[in-house]
């Protein structure tokens, strides 16, 4: 069963609000819709995986400007995004290398 853009937006709202705050969430959700358009143009898929979306939110570290930067990276090379998000998660868990690429 296909899930539409509006349903994906509604499903992501709580996570986005938690990541960037309630006031920035509408703009952040708009950004994720733009990522979907770009993703489709680049990869032919309707939307990036939820793992990619989670990596974008992780790399944003609560800042909309950072989210924009890493949304762009997701489309350019989602593997680089994934590596950066993994470094941030490791640092948050006390296992970081200290050399984040952000």
N, C-alpha and C. Protein backbone atom coordinates (compact mmCIF):
# COMPACT_ATOMS: atom_id res chain seq x y z
N UNK A 1 0.83 -1.18 0.00
CA UNK A 1 0.00 0.00 0.00
C UNK A 1 0.89 1.25 0.00
N UNK A 2 0.64 2.14 -0.92
CA UNK A 2 1.42 3.37 -1.03
C UNK A 2 1.03 4.36 0.07
N UNK A 3 2.03 5.03 0.59
CA UNK A 3 1.80 6.06 1.60
C UNK A 3 2.09 7.40 0.95
N UNK A 4 1.15 8.32 1.05
CA UNK A 4 1.31 9.62 0.41
C UNK A 4 2.20 10.57 1.20
N UNK A 5 2.57 11.64 0.54
CA UNK A 5 3.45 12.65 1.13
C UNK A 5 2.85 13.23 2.42
N UNK A 6 1.56 13.52 2.40
CA UNK A 6 0.92 14.10 3.60
C UNK A 6 0.98 13.13 4.77
N UNK A 7 0.80 11.84 4.50
CA UNK A 7 0.87 10.83 5.57
C UNK A 7 2.29 10.72 6.11
N UNK A 8 3.29 10.78 5.22
CA UNK A 8 4.68 10.73 5.70
C UNK A 8 4.99 11.95 6.54
N UNK A 9 4.51 13.11 6.11
CA UNK A 9 4.74 14.34 6.88
C UNK A 9 4.13 14.21 8.28
N UNK A 10 2.89 13.75 8.35
CA UNK A 10 2.22 13.58 9.64
C UNK A 10 2.96 12.58 10.52
N UNK A 11 3.44 11.50 9.91
CA UNK A 11 4.15 10.48 10.66
C UNK A 11 5.49 10.99 11.21
N UNK A 12 6.12 11.91 10.50
CA UNK A 12 7.43 12.43 10.90
C UNK A 12 7.35 13.62 11.85
N UNK A 13 6.18 14.20 12.01
CA UNK A 13 6.04 15.45 12.76
C UNK A 13 6.62 15.38 14.17
N UNK A 14 6.27 14.37 14.93
CA UNK A 14 6.74 14.28 16.32
C UNK A 14 8.26 14.17 16.39
N UNK A 15 8.85 13.37 15.51
CA UNK A 15 10.32 13.23 15.51
C UNK A 15 10.99 14.53 15.13
N UNK A 16 10.43 15.22 14.15
CA UNK A 16 11.02 16.49 13.71
C UNK A 16 10.90 17.54 14.81
N UNK A 17 9.74 17.60 15.46
CA UNK A 17 9.57 18.54 16.57
C UNK A 17 10.57 18.26 17.68
N UNK A 18 10.81 16.99 17.96
CA UNK A 18 11.77 16.62 19.00
C UNK A 18 13.19 17.01 18.58
N UNK A 19 13.47 16.95 17.30
CA UNK A 19 14.82 17.22 16.81
C UNK A 19 15.13 18.70 16.71
N UNK A 20 14.18 19.52 16.21
CA UNK A 20 14.49 20.93 15.95
C UNK A 20 13.59 21.90 16.71
N UNK A 21 12.64 21.38 17.46
CA UNK A 21 11.73 22.23 18.21
C UNK A 21 10.45 22.50 17.45
N UNK A 22 9.43 22.82 18.20
CA UNK A 22 8.10 23.01 17.63
C UNK A 22 8.04 24.20 16.67
N UNK A 23 8.75 25.27 16.97
CA UNK A 23 8.67 26.46 16.12
C UNK A 23 9.37 26.26 14.77
N UNK A 24 10.42 25.47 14.73
CA UNK A 24 11.16 25.23 13.48
C UNK A 24 10.62 24.02 12.72
N UNK A 25 9.75 23.23 13.35
CA UNK A 25 9.28 21.99 12.74
C UNK A 25 8.59 22.18 11.39
N UNK A 26 7.70 23.17 11.21
CA UNK A 26 7.07 23.32 9.90
C UNK A 26 8.08 23.53 8.77
N UNK A 27 9.09 24.35 9.00
CA UNK A 27 10.12 24.57 7.98
C UNK A 27 10.93 23.30 7.77
N UNK A 28 11.24 22.59 8.84
CA UNK A 28 12.01 21.35 8.73
C UNK A 28 11.22 20.28 7.96
N UNK A 29 9.93 20.21 8.20
CA UNK A 29 9.09 19.27 7.45
C UNK A 29 9.01 19.65 5.98
N UNK A 30 8.95 20.96 5.69
CA UNK A 30 9.01 21.42 4.29
C UNK A 30 10.32 20.99 3.65
N UNK A 31 11.42 21.12 4.40
CA UNK A 31 12.72 20.72 3.90
C UNK A 31 12.74 19.23 3.56
N UNK A 32 12.16 18.41 4.42
CA UNK A 32 12.13 16.97 4.14
C UNK A 32 11.30 16.67 2.89
N UNK A 33 10.27 17.46 2.63
CA UNK A 33 9.52 17.28 1.38
C UNK A 33 10.40 17.63 0.18
N UNK A 34 11.18 18.69 0.29
CA UNK A 34 12.11 19.04 -0.78
C UNK A 34 13.14 17.93 -0.99
N UNK A 35 13.59 17.33 0.09
CA UNK A 35 14.51 16.20 -0.02
C UNK A 35 13.85 15.06 -0.80
N UNK A 36 12.57 14.83 -0.56
CA UNK A 36 11.87 13.78 -1.31
C UNK A 36 11.87 14.07 -2.81
N UNK A 37 11.60 15.31 -3.18
CA UNK A 37 11.63 15.67 -4.61
C UNK A 37 13.01 15.41 -5.20
N UNK A 38 14.03 15.88 -4.51
CA UNK A 38 15.40 15.70 -4.99
C UNK A 38 15.78 14.22 -5.02
N UNK A 39 15.37 13.50 -3.99
CA UNK A 39 15.66 12.07 -3.90
C UNK A 39 15.08 11.34 -5.11
N UNK A 40 13.85 11.68 -5.43
CA UNK A 40 13.20 11.05 -6.57
C UNK A 40 13.95 11.35 -7.86
N UNK A 41 14.36 12.61 -8.03
CA UNK A 41 15.10 12.98 -9.24
C UNK A 41 16.44 12.26 -9.33
N UNK A 42 17.11 12.09 -8.21
CA UNK A 42 18.45 11.49 -8.21
C UNK A 42 18.42 9.96 -8.20
N UNK A 43 17.50 9.38 -7.42
CA UNK A 43 17.54 7.95 -7.20
C UNK A 43 16.33 7.19 -7.74
N UNK A 44 15.29 7.92 -8.14
CA UNK A 44 14.10 7.27 -8.68
C UNK A 44 13.15 6.72 -7.63
N UNK A 45 13.51 6.83 -6.37
CA UNK A 45 12.63 6.39 -5.28
C UNK A 45 11.78 7.57 -4.84
N UNK A 46 10.60 7.29 -4.34
CA UNK A 46 9.68 8.34 -3.92
C UNK A 46 10.22 9.13 -2.75
N UNK A 47 10.87 8.44 -1.84
CA UNK A 47 11.37 9.08 -0.62
C UNK A 47 12.62 8.35 -0.15
N UNK A 48 13.50 9.04 0.57
CA UNK A 48 14.63 8.32 1.16
C UNK A 48 14.11 7.40 2.27
N UNK A 49 14.93 6.46 2.66
CA UNK A 49 14.53 5.57 3.75
C UNK A 49 14.40 6.38 5.05
N UNK A 50 13.69 5.82 5.99
CA UNK A 50 13.55 6.49 7.29
C UNK A 50 14.91 6.56 7.99
N UNK A 51 15.82 5.66 7.67
CA UNK A 51 17.17 5.74 8.23
C UNK A 51 17.87 7.01 7.76
N UNK A 52 17.70 7.37 6.48
CA UNK A 52 18.30 8.59 5.96
C UNK A 52 17.67 9.80 6.64
N UNK A 53 16.35 9.79 6.79
CA UNK A 53 15.67 10.89 7.48
C UNK A 53 16.19 11.01 8.90
N UNK A 54 16.34 9.90 9.59
CA UNK A 54 16.85 9.91 10.96
C UNK A 54 18.28 10.45 11.01
N UNK A 55 19.09 10.08 10.02
CA UNK A 55 20.46 10.60 9.96
C UNK A 55 20.47 12.12 9.76
N UNK A 56 19.57 12.63 8.92
CA UNK A 56 19.47 14.08 8.72
C UNK A 56 19.12 14.75 10.04
N UNK A 57 18.15 14.19 10.76
CA UNK A 57 17.74 14.78 12.03
C UNK A 57 18.86 14.70 13.07
N UNK A 58 19.58 13.61 13.08
CA UNK A 58 20.70 13.46 14.02
C UNK A 58 21.78 14.51 13.74
N UNK A 59 22.12 14.66 12.48
CA UNK A 59 23.17 15.61 12.11
C UNK A 59 22.74 17.06 12.31
N UNK A 60 21.45 17.31 12.31
CA UNK A 60 20.98 18.69 12.52
C UNK A 60 21.33 19.19 13.90
N UNK A 61 21.40 18.31 14.85
CA UNK A 61 21.67 18.65 16.25
C UNK A 61 20.80 19.82 16.72
N UNK A 62 19.55 19.80 16.26
CA UNK A 62 18.59 20.80 16.72
C UNK A 62 18.63 22.13 15.99
N UNK A 63 19.46 22.26 14.96
CA UNK A 63 19.64 23.52 14.27
C UNK A 63 19.15 23.39 12.82
N UNK A 64 18.21 24.24 12.43
CA UNK A 64 17.63 24.17 11.10
C UNK A 64 18.67 24.41 10.00
N UNK A 65 19.59 25.32 10.22
CA UNK A 65 20.64 25.57 9.22
C UNK A 65 21.50 24.32 9.01
N UNK A 66 21.84 23.63 10.09
CA UNK A 66 22.59 22.38 9.96
C UNK A 66 21.75 21.33 9.25
N UNK A 67 20.45 21.32 9.54
CA UNK A 67 19.58 20.35 8.88
C UNK A 67 19.58 20.56 7.37
N UNK A 68 19.57 21.81 6.94
CA UNK A 68 19.63 22.12 5.51
C UNK A 68 20.92 21.58 4.92
N UNK A 69 22.01 21.84 5.60
CA UNK A 69 23.32 21.38 5.13
C UNK A 69 23.36 19.86 4.96
N UNK A 70 22.83 19.16 5.95
CA UNK A 70 22.90 17.70 5.91
C UNK A 70 21.80 17.09 5.05
N UNK A 71 20.72 17.80 4.82
CA UNK A 71 19.71 17.34 3.86
C UNK A 71 20.33 17.33 2.46
N UNK A 72 21.09 18.36 2.17
CA UNK A 72 21.78 18.43 0.88
C UNK A 72 22.79 17.30 0.75
N UNK A 73 23.54 17.04 1.81
CA UNK A 73 24.50 15.94 1.80
C UNK A 73 23.79 14.61 1.59
N UNK A 74 22.62 14.44 2.16
CA UNK A 74 21.87 13.19 2.00
C UNK A 74 21.61 12.90 0.53
N UNK A 75 21.25 13.93 -0.22
CA UNK A 75 20.96 13.74 -1.63
C UNK A 75 22.26 13.54 -2.42
N UNK A 76 23.29 14.29 -2.06
CA UNK A 76 24.57 14.16 -2.77
C UNK A 76 25.20 12.79 -2.55
N UNK A 77 25.29 12.37 -1.28
CA UNK A 77 25.90 11.08 -0.95
C UNK A 77 25.44 10.66 0.44
N UNK A 78 24.38 9.86 0.47
CA UNK A 78 23.79 9.46 1.73
C UNK A 78 24.76 8.66 2.60
N UNK A 79 25.78 8.06 1.99
CA UNK A 79 26.75 7.29 2.78
C UNK A 79 27.61 8.20 3.65
N UNK A 80 27.98 9.37 3.11
CA UNK A 80 28.72 10.35 3.91
C UNK A 80 27.85 10.85 5.06
N UNK A 81 26.58 11.07 4.78
CA UNK A 81 25.64 11.46 5.84
C UNK A 81 25.58 10.40 6.92
N UNK A 82 25.48 9.15 6.51
CA UNK A 82 25.39 8.05 7.46
C UNK A 82 26.63 7.97 8.35
N UNK A 83 27.81 8.14 7.75
CA UNK A 83 29.04 8.12 8.53
C UNK A 83 29.08 9.24 9.56
N UNK A 84 28.66 10.43 9.16
CA UNK A 84 28.64 11.57 10.08
C UNK A 84 27.65 11.34 11.21
N UNK A 85 26.46 10.85 10.86
CA UNK A 85 25.45 10.57 11.88
C UNK A 85 25.94 9.51 12.86
N UNK A 86 26.61 8.48 12.36
CA UNK A 86 27.15 7.44 13.24
C UNK A 86 28.21 8.00 14.18
N UNK A 87 29.04 8.93 13.68
CA UNK A 87 30.05 9.57 14.54
C UNK A 87 29.37 10.39 15.64
N UNK A 88 28.31 11.11 15.29
CA UNK A 88 27.60 11.91 16.29
C UNK A 88 26.98 10.99 17.34
N UNK A 89 26.36 9.92 16.89
CA UNK A 89 25.75 8.97 17.84
C UNK A 89 26.81 8.36 18.75
N UNK A 90 27.95 8.01 18.19
CA UNK A 90 29.03 7.45 19.00
C UNK A 90 29.53 8.45 20.03
N UNK A 91 29.68 9.71 19.61
CA UNK A 91 30.13 10.75 20.54
C UNK A 91 29.12 10.95 21.66
N UNK A 92 27.85 10.90 21.31
CA UNK A 92 26.80 11.07 22.32
C UNK A 92 26.78 9.91 23.31
N UNK A 93 27.23 8.75 22.85
CA UNK A 93 27.27 7.57 23.72
C UNK A 93 28.63 7.39 24.39
N UNK A 94 29.51 8.39 24.27
CA UNK A 94 30.80 8.34 24.92
C UNK A 94 31.84 7.52 24.19
N UNK A 95 31.56 7.17 22.93
CA UNK A 95 32.52 6.35 22.18
C UNK A 95 33.05 7.10 20.97
N UNK A 96 32.89 8.39 20.95
CA UNK A 96 33.26 9.18 19.77
C UNK A 96 34.75 9.31 19.59
N UNK A 97 35.12 9.66 18.36
CA UNK A 97 36.52 9.84 18.03
C UNK A 97 36.97 11.27 18.27
N UNK A 98 35.99 12.16 18.43
CA UNK A 98 36.31 13.57 18.64
C UNK A 98 36.52 14.33 17.35
N UNK A 99 36.59 13.63 16.23
CA UNK A 99 36.85 14.27 14.95
C UNK A 99 35.64 14.29 14.04
N UNK A 100 34.55 14.85 14.49
CA UNK A 100 33.34 14.86 13.70
C UNK A 100 33.53 15.64 12.40
N UNK A 101 32.95 15.12 11.35
CA UNK A 101 33.06 15.76 10.03
C UNK A 101 31.94 16.74 9.80
N UNK A 102 31.45 17.38 10.85
CA UNK A 102 30.35 18.31 10.66
C UNK A 102 30.81 19.69 10.89
